[in-house]
Amino acid sequence: MSEVKICSATGREVLVRSEEDENTRFSYLDIIKKTDSLSANYLNDPNFVNNNIILYSHDKSFIFGYMIYSTYKKILNNDNLQIHFGNLFSEIDCSENKSMSLTLKPLSSNQESYNVLFEKFALAAKESKIFKCTEGWRNEKYTLYDNNKTPYIMLERAMTTIFGIVTFGIHINGFFFDKNSNLRMWIPRRSATKATWPLKLDNVVAGGLGNGDSVDKTLWKELKEEANIDKSDIEDRVKMVGCLTYFYFSKDLTLCSFNDEDDVITAEQEFIYDIEFPETVTPSINDSEVHEFKHYGLQELVTLLKSNDFKPNCSLVVIDFLIRHGYINITNEPNFSEILLKTHRRLPFNTL
C-alpha cells in the first residue's frame, strides 16, 4: 500500500506509491466510487431511463429528485398511498425516447401547502410499512430549494430515499500535529445503535441540515452534540474550506435492477470544515451516536481508507482533506483530476 516517508528537504511526511500500488493499479478513485460510481452521461444510459422517474417542480422550472419506477409501482398498488400521491403529482409522462417524469400539481389558493401534502403522504407511507426507509423515521425535515434558493418543500428526512432528493450537510475534519510535526486525525466510530452505517468510521463531526437550519447553526449544534465541544473553545480554529458535491450511488448503473429502494440515486452537497485541534481540546462522547473517538497517523489513515471500515462518504471527505493538504497529489495518484471532478460534480438539482 502507499507508504509514508519523510521528505529529506522539508522534514514533512509524504505519501509514496508502493510496489504493491503499482502492481494492483491502486487508485483513491476506487474508494471514491464506493460513494459515487455514476458515470457522467448517466442520463443517456438505457437502464437509467427505463427504471428512473425524473421529478419536476409544479412549473417544470427545475428537477428536485429521482424516483425509482419500482417505488412508483409500490405506491400505485397501495390505495391509501395512491390517493395521497395523486394529490401531489400529475399522471406520469412516458413520452417516447424520453425519461419518465412526474410533475407536481400547481396548488390552488385554497389548497393545502406542499409541506402538508408531503407530510400526509409520508405518514401514510410510515403506516403502510412497505418501505424500509420509514423504519428510520427522524421527525426531522430536509429542505428542497427553488431556483432562487428559497425553501420550496420541507420533507421528512426518512423519505429522501423515496424521492431521491438532494440533501445538505456539514462534515468536519479534526486533526493536529504531534511533537514530530506528523499528522494525527481524529476519527470517531459510529454507535452500534445508529440506524445507518453502525460501527463504521466517520469524520470527527458530521450532520445533515435539517428543519431549515443554516450551515453555521448546524456546525455548532453538531460539534456540541457529537463531540462535546463548545463554540468558545474552538471558534478561532474552525475553517470552512469548501464543499463537496457528489451522487450517492455505488452500484453498476448498467447492471442495477432498481428493484430495491436502496438502488435510489441521490445527490449530496456537503460543506467541509477543518479544525486543527489545540492540545487543550479533544472530542469526547456526548450522545448515543458515537462509540469512541481515536486519532490516527497518516499511514494508519491510508490503511483504514483501503479497508471497508469507513462510512463511504466519510472516506471521500478524508481523501479531500489529504488532497488539500498535499498528501495526495498528481505525482502519487494516477487519477488525480478525475477524483477532483468526481467530488465536485455539477448536480442537476438546486443547491446552496
Protein backbone atom coordinates (compact mmCIF):
# COMPACT_ATOMS: atom_id res chain seq x y z
CA MET A 1 0.00 0.00 0.00
CA SER A 2 1.03 3.68 -0.17
CA GLU A 3 3.97 4.27 2.11
CA VAL A 4 4.58 7.26 4.38
CA LYS A 5 8.09 8.64 4.19
CA ILE A 6 9.76 11.78 5.47
CA CYS A 7 10.85 14.29 2.83
CA SER A 8 14.55 14.99 3.31
CA ALA A 9 14.19 18.58 2.11
CA THR A 10 11.22 19.62 4.28
CA GLY A 11 11.10 17.05 7.05
CA ARG A 12 7.40 16.63 6.21
CA GLU A 13 5.50 13.40 5.77
CA VAL A 14 4.80 12.43 2.17
CA LEU A 15 2.91 9.57 0.55
CA VAL A 16 4.84 7.43 -1.95
CA ARG A 17 3.29 4.81 -4.20
CA SER A 18 4.48 1.37 -3.22
CA GLU A 19 5.34 -1.55 -5.47
CA GLU A 20 2.04 -3.09 -4.41
CA ASP A 21 0.17 0.05 -5.52
CA GLU A 22 1.78 -0.18 -8.94
CA ASN A 23 1.14 -3.92 -9.30
CA THR A 24 -2.51 -3.64 -8.27
CA ARG A 25 -3.02 -0.29 -10.03
CA PHE A 26 -4.40 1.12 -6.82
CA SER A 27 -6.16 4.48 -7.01
CA TYR A 28 -8.05 6.51 -4.43
CA LEU A 29 -10.66 6.84 -7.15
CA ASP A 30 -11.69 3.25 -6.32
CA ILE A 31 -12.55 4.45 -2.80
CA ILE A 32 -14.46 7.45 -4.16
CA LYS A 33 -16.53 5.07 -6.30
CA LYS A 34 -17.79 3.34 -3.15
CA THR A 35 -19.79 6.54 -2.75
CA ASP A 36 -20.24 7.72 -6.33
CA SER A 37 -19.83 5.35 -9.28
CA LEU A 38 -22.32 7.15 -11.51
CA SER A 39 -20.98 7.95 -14.95
CA ALA A 40 -21.09 11.50 -16.29
CA ASN A 41 -23.56 10.53 -19.05
CA TYR A 42 -25.92 8.53 -16.82
CA LEU A 43 -28.97 10.35 -18.22
CA ASN A 44 -28.39 8.62 -21.55
CA ASP A 45 -27.99 5.17 -20.07
CA PRO A 46 -30.96 2.95 -21.11
CA ASN A 47 -31.07 1.32 -17.68
CA PHE A 48 -31.43 4.71 -16.00
CA VAL A 49 -34.07 5.85 -18.49
CA ASN A 50 -36.11 2.65 -18.10
CA ASN A 51 -36.01 2.50 -14.31
CA ASN A 52 -35.98 6.06 -13.00
CA ILE A 53 -38.57 8.82 -12.95
CA ILE A 54 -37.49 12.46 -13.02
CA LEU A 55 -39.44 14.63 -10.55
CA TYR A 56 -40.23 18.21 -11.61
CA SER A 57 -41.48 21.28 -9.78
CA HIS A 58 -45.04 22.41 -10.47
CA ASP A 59 -43.89 24.78 -13.24
CA LYS A 60 -41.24 22.36 -14.57
CA SER A 61 -38.56 25.00 -13.97
CA PHE A 62 -36.34 22.63 -12.01
CA ILE A 63 -35.80 18.96 -11.13
CA PHE A 64 -35.94 18.07 -7.46
CA GLY A 65 -35.43 14.30 -7.40
CA TYR A 66 -35.27 10.87 -9.00
CA MET A 67 -37.78 8.16 -8.08
CA ILE A 68 -37.23 4.51 -8.88
CA TYR A 69 -40.01 3.13 -11.07
CA SER A 70 -40.41 0.10 -8.78
CA THR A 71 -41.09 2.52 -5.91
CA TYR A 72 -43.74 4.24 -8.00
CA LYS A 73 -45.42 0.88 -8.69
CA LYS A 74 -45.49 0.10 -4.96
CA ILE A 75 -47.26 3.40 -4.35
CA LEU A 76 -49.86 2.70 -7.04
CA ASN A 77 -50.55 -0.74 -5.56
CA ASN A 78 -51.47 0.77 -2.17
CA ASP A 79 -54.86 2.52 -2.24
CA ASN A 80 -54.12 4.91 0.62
CA LEU A 81 -50.70 5.90 -0.69
CA GLN A 82 -52.06 6.31 -4.21
CA ILE A 83 -54.63 8.84 -3.01
CA HIS A 84 -52.06 10.99 -1.21
CA PHE A 85 -49.62 10.68 -4.09
CA GLY A 86 -52.32 11.69 -6.56
CA ASN A 87 -52.91 14.86 -4.55
CA LEU A 88 -49.30 15.79 -5.23
CA PHE A 89 -48.39 14.65 -8.73
CA SER A 90 -49.94 14.68 -12.18
CA GLU A 91 -50.04 11.50 -14.26
CA ILE A 92 -46.67 10.02 -15.21
CA ASP A 93 -45.29 11.20 -18.54
CA CYS A 94 -43.81 8.37 -20.59
CA SER A 95 -43.07 10.26 -23.79
CA GLU A 96 -41.30 8.18 -26.40
CA ASN A 97 -37.48 8.22 -26.28
CA LYS A 98 -37.50 10.30 -23.09
CA SER A 99 -37.07 9.54 -19.42
CA MET A 100 -40.26 9.05 -17.45
CA SER A 101 -41.28 12.09 -15.42
CA LEU A 102 -43.71 13.25 -12.77
CA THR A 103 -44.66 16.88 -12.20
CA LEU A 104 -46.07 18.40 -9.04
CA LYS A 105 -49.59 19.70 -9.43
CA PRO A 106 -49.89 23.51 -9.09
CA LEU A 107 -51.56 24.49 -5.83
CA SER A 108 -54.81 26.44 -5.85
CA SER A 109 -55.32 29.32 -3.44
CA ASN A 110 -57.50 27.28 -1.10
CA GLN A 111 -55.40 24.09 -1.22
CA GLU A 112 -53.09 22.72 1.46
CA SER A 113 -49.39 23.51 1.08
CA TYR A 114 -46.88 21.09 -0.43
CA ASN A 115 -45.41 20.63 3.06
CA VAL A 116 -48.74 19.44 4.42
CA LEU A 117 -49.42 17.18 1.43
CA PHE A 118 -45.96 15.61 1.58
CA GLU A 119 -46.34 15.10 5.33
CA LYS A 120 -49.64 13.28 4.80
CA PHE A 121 -48.02 11.06 2.17
CA ALA A 122 -45.05 10.41 4.47
CA LEU A 123 -47.26 9.42 7.41
CA ALA A 124 -49.29 7.14 5.16
CA ALA A 125 -46.05 5.52 3.93
CA LYS A 126 -44.91 5.03 7.52
CA GLU A 127 -48.24 3.43 8.42
CA SER A 128 -48.15 1.14 5.39
CA LYS A 129 -44.74 -0.31 6.37
CA ILE A 130 -43.96 -1.15 2.75
CA PHE A 131 -40.80 0.98 2.64
CA LYS A 132 -37.92 0.06 4.94
CA CYS A 133 -36.65 3.65 4.97
CA THR A 134 -39.57 4.65 7.21
CA GLU A 135 -38.11 2.44 9.96
CA GLY A 136 -35.51 5.19 10.38
CA TRP A 137 -38.09 7.92 10.98
CA ARG A 138 -36.34 11.06 12.31
CA ASN A 139 -39.08 13.65 12.92
CA GLU A 140 -36.65 15.94 11.10
CA LYS A 141 -37.29 17.76 7.86
CA TYR A 142 -34.94 18.21 4.91
CA THR A 143 -35.45 21.26 2.72
CA LEU A 144 -35.79 21.42 -1.06
CA TYR A 145 -34.96 24.77 -2.63
CA ASP A 146 -36.32 26.53 -5.69
CA ASN A 147 -34.30 28.39 -8.33
CA ASN A 148 -33.93 31.39 -6.00
CA LYS A 149 -32.57 29.23 -3.16
CA THR A 150 -35.83 29.78 -1.30
CA PRO A 151 -37.32 26.82 0.63
CA TYR A 152 -39.79 25.06 -1.67
CA ILE A 153 -40.68 21.90 0.25
CA MET A 154 -39.75 20.51 3.67
CA LEU A 155 -39.82 16.72 3.71
CA GLU A 156 -39.33 14.11 6.45
CA ARG A 157 -35.70 13.01 6.36
CA ALA A 158 -36.58 9.29 6.20
CA MET A 159 -38.39 9.89 2.91
CA THR A 160 -35.34 11.07 0.97
CA THR A 161 -34.85 7.58 -0.48
CA ILE A 162 -38.40 7.56 -1.82
CA PHE A 163 -38.00 10.82 -3.75
CA GLY A 164 -34.23 10.77 -4.39
CA ILE A 165 -33.84 14.39 -3.33
CA VAL A 166 -30.58 16.28 -2.89
CA THR A 167 -29.55 16.59 0.76
CA PHE A 168 -27.20 19.02 2.50
CA GLY A 169 -24.84 18.62 5.42
CA ILE A 170 -21.61 19.57 7.12
CA HIS A 171 -18.51 17.42 7.66
CA ILE A 172 -15.58 18.41 9.86
CA ASN A 173 -12.02 17.13 9.68
CA GLY A 174 -10.46 17.26 13.15
CA PHE A 175 -6.68 16.96 13.25
CA PHE A 176 -3.48 18.03 14.97
CA PHE A 177 0.27 17.59 14.52
CA ASP A 178 2.32 15.68 17.09
CA LYS A 179 5.67 16.76 18.54
CA ASN A 180 7.39 15.48 15.40
CA SER A 181 5.06 17.55 13.18
CA ASN A 182 3.33 14.40 11.93
CA LEU A 183 -0.36 14.41 11.13
CA ARG A 184 -2.88 12.90 13.52
CA MET A 185 -6.58 12.87 12.59
CA TRP A 186 -9.49 12.41 14.99
CA ILE A 187 -11.80 9.65 13.73
CA PRO A 188 -14.92 8.51 15.62
CA ARG A 189 -16.55 5.12 15.33
CA ARG A 190 -20.29 5.32 14.95
CA SER A 191 -22.52 3.80 17.60
CA ALA A 192 -23.77 0.24 17.15
CA THR A 193 -27.30 1.61 17.56
CA LYS A 194 -27.10 4.02 14.62
CA ALA A 195 -29.87 3.41 12.07
CA THR A 196 -27.37 3.75 9.23
CA TRP A 197 -23.77 2.52 8.96
CA PRO A 198 -23.43 1.29 12.58
CA LEU A 199 -19.85 0.92 13.89
CA LYS A 200 -18.36 2.45 10.74
CA LEU A 201 -15.68 5.14 10.96
CA ASP A 202 -16.80 8.73 10.47
CA ASN A 203 -15.47 12.27 10.34
CA VAL A 204 -14.94 13.90 13.71
CA VAL A 205 -18.32 15.64 13.33
CA ALA A 206 -20.93 15.34 10.58
CA GLY A 207 -24.60 16.12 10.30
CA GLY A 208 -27.40 16.97 7.92
CA LEU A 209 -29.03 20.38 7.56
CA GLY A 210 -32.43 19.60 9.00
CA ASN A 211 -35.55 21.65 9.75
CA GLY A 212 -34.34 24.57 7.67
CA ASP A 213 -31.23 25.14 9.83
CA SER A 214 -28.35 27.15 8.41
CA VAL A 215 -24.89 25.73 7.77
CA ASP A 216 -23.49 27.76 10.67
CA LYS A 217 -26.18 26.67 13.13
CA THR A 218 -25.71 23.02 12.14
CA LEU A 219 -21.93 23.32 12.60
CA TRP A 220 -22.08 24.43 16.23
CA LYS A 221 -25.02 22.20 17.11
CA GLU A 222 -23.28 19.08 15.81
CA LEU A 223 -19.94 19.99 17.43
CA LYS A 224 -21.63 20.08 20.82
CA GLU A 225 -23.97 17.12 20.31
CA GLU A 226 -21.49 14.70 18.73
CA ALA A 227 -18.10 15.75 20.10
CA ASN A 228 -18.93 17.71 23.28
CA ILE A 229 -17.10 20.80 22.03
CA ASP A 230 -18.25 24.30 22.94
CA LYS A 231 -18.08 27.14 20.45
CA SER A 232 -15.97 29.23 22.83
CA ASP A 233 -13.28 26.52 22.95
CA ILE A 234 -12.71 26.20 19.23
CA GLU A 235 -14.22 29.14 17.35
CA ASP A 236 -10.87 30.61 16.26
CA ARG A 237 -9.77 27.22 14.90
CA VAL A 238 -12.73 26.46 12.63
CA LYS A 239 -12.07 26.97 8.92
CA MET A 240 -14.61 26.45 6.17
CA VAL A 241 -12.63 25.01 3.26
CA GLY A 242 -15.25 24.46 0.57
CA CYS A 243 -17.95 21.98 -0.33
CA LEU A 244 -18.18 18.58 -1.99
CA THR A 245 -20.92 17.59 -4.41
CA TYR A 246 -21.48 14.03 -5.50
CA PHE A 247 -24.08 11.33 -6.06
CA TYR A 248 -24.62 8.58 -3.53
CA PHE A 249 -24.77 5.57 -5.84
CA SER A 250 -22.10 2.89 -5.72
CA LYS A 251 -23.59 0.23 -7.99
CA ASP A 252 -23.01 -0.62 -11.63
CA LEU A 253 -25.60 1.52 -13.43
CA THR A 254 -25.89 -0.79 -16.43
CA LEU A 255 -26.48 -3.87 -14.23
CA CYS A 256 -28.54 -2.41 -11.39
CA SER A 257 -32.04 -3.90 -11.18
CA PHE A 258 -33.54 -0.84 -9.45
CA ASN A 259 -35.93 -3.19 -7.63
CA ASP A 260 -34.72 -2.23 -4.16
CA GLU A 261 -35.27 1.20 -2.61
CA ASP A 262 -31.56 1.26 -1.76
CA ASP A 263 -30.92 1.48 -5.51
CA VAL A 264 -32.12 5.09 -5.48
CA ILE A 265 -29.78 7.72 -6.96
CA THR A 266 -29.44 10.62 -4.55
CA ALA A 267 -27.23 13.70 -4.55
CA GLU A 268 -25.43 15.40 -1.67
CA GLN A 269 -23.80 18.75 -1.07
CA GLU A 270 -21.53 18.73 1.97
CA PHE A 271 -19.93 21.85 3.43
CA ILE A 272 -16.44 20.98 4.64
CA TYR A 273 -14.59 22.39 7.64
CA ASP A 274 -11.11 21.81 9.03
CA ILE A 275 -10.32 22.18 12.72
CA GLU A 276 -6.71 21.97 13.88
CA PHE A 277 -7.25 20.98 17.48
CA PRO A 278 -5.18 22.65 20.20
CA GLU A 279 -3.72 20.46 22.93
CA THR A 280 -6.34 21.69 25.37
CA VAL A 281 -9.32 20.47 23.31
CA THR A 282 -10.22 16.89 22.43
CA PRO A 283 -13.51 15.46 21.19
CA SER A 284 -15.43 13.28 23.62
CA ILE A 285 -18.67 11.28 23.56
CA ASN A 286 -21.73 13.37 24.37
CA ASP A 287 -24.62 11.37 22.95
CA SER A 288 -25.55 7.90 21.75
CA GLU A 289 -24.29 8.42 18.19
CA VAL A 290 -20.58 7.79 18.84
CA HIS A 291 -18.98 4.59 20.12
CA GLU A 292 -15.46 6.00 20.55
CA PHE A 293 -13.01 8.68 19.41
CA LYS A 294 -9.45 7.83 18.37
CA HIS A 295 -6.75 9.67 16.46
CA TYR A 296 -4.70 8.07 13.70
CA GLY A 297 -1.48 8.85 11.88
CA LEU A 298 -1.11 9.18 8.13
CA GLN A 299 -0.07 5.55 7.49
CA GLU A 300 -2.96 4.31 9.62
CA LEU A 301 -5.37 6.57 7.72
CA VAL A 302 -4.25 5.13 4.39
CA THR A 303 -4.76 1.60 5.72
CA LEU A 304 -8.24 2.45 7.01
CA LEU A 305 -9.21 4.11 3.73
CA LYS A 306 -8.27 0.96 1.83
CA SER A 307 -10.39 -1.14 4.17
CA ASN A 308 -14.19 -1.07 4.28
CA ASP A 309 -14.18 0.42 7.76
CA PHE A 310 -15.25 3.97 6.81
CA LYS A 311 -18.77 5.13 6.06
CA PRO A 312 -18.26 5.65 2.30
CA ASN A 313 -18.85 9.40 2.00
CA CYS A 314 -16.69 9.99 5.09
CA SER A 315 -13.72 8.36 3.37
CA LEU A 316 -14.41 10.73 0.48
CA VAL A 317 -14.11 13.68 2.90
CA VAL A 318 -10.82 12.34 4.29
CA ILE A 319 -9.41 11.94 0.77
CA ASP A 320 -10.41 15.54 0.03
CA PHE A 321 -8.52 16.61 3.19
CA LEU A 322 -5.41 14.69 2.12
CA ILE A 323 -5.57 16.31 -1.32
CA ARG A 324 -5.97 19.85 0.04
CA HIS A 325 -3.06 19.34 2.45
CA GLY A 326 -0.81 17.99 -0.29
CA TYR A 327 -0.53 14.36 0.80
CA ILE A 328 -2.39 13.01 -2.23
CA ASN A 329 -1.26 14.75 -5.39
CA ILE A 330 -0.62 14.41 -9.09
CA THR A 331 2.66 12.53 -8.50
CA ASN A 332 1.24 9.71 -6.38
CA GLU A 333 -2.35 9.44 -7.69
CA PRO A 334 -2.85 8.39 -11.33
CA ASN A 335 -6.49 9.59 -11.39
CA PHE A 336 -5.97 12.87 -9.55
CA SER A 337 -8.01 15.06 -11.92
CA GLU A 338 -10.89 12.59 -12.13
CA ILE A 339 -11.13 12.49 -8.32
CA LEU A 340 -11.45 16.28 -8.24
CA LEU A 341 -14.21 16.17 -10.85
CA LYS A 342 -15.99 13.29 -9.10
CA THR A 343 -16.10 15.09 -5.76
CA HIS A 344 -17.18 18.45 -7.25
CA ARG A 345 -19.91 17.35 -9.64
CA ARG A 346 -22.38 19.72 -11.25
CA LEU A 347 -25.65 18.40 -9.87
CA PRO A 348 -28.97 18.57 -11.73
CA PHE A 349 -30.73 19.86 -8.60
CA ASN A 350 -30.82 23.22 -6.86
CA THR A 351 -28.00 23.51 -4.33
CA LEU A 352 -26.99 26.08 -1.75
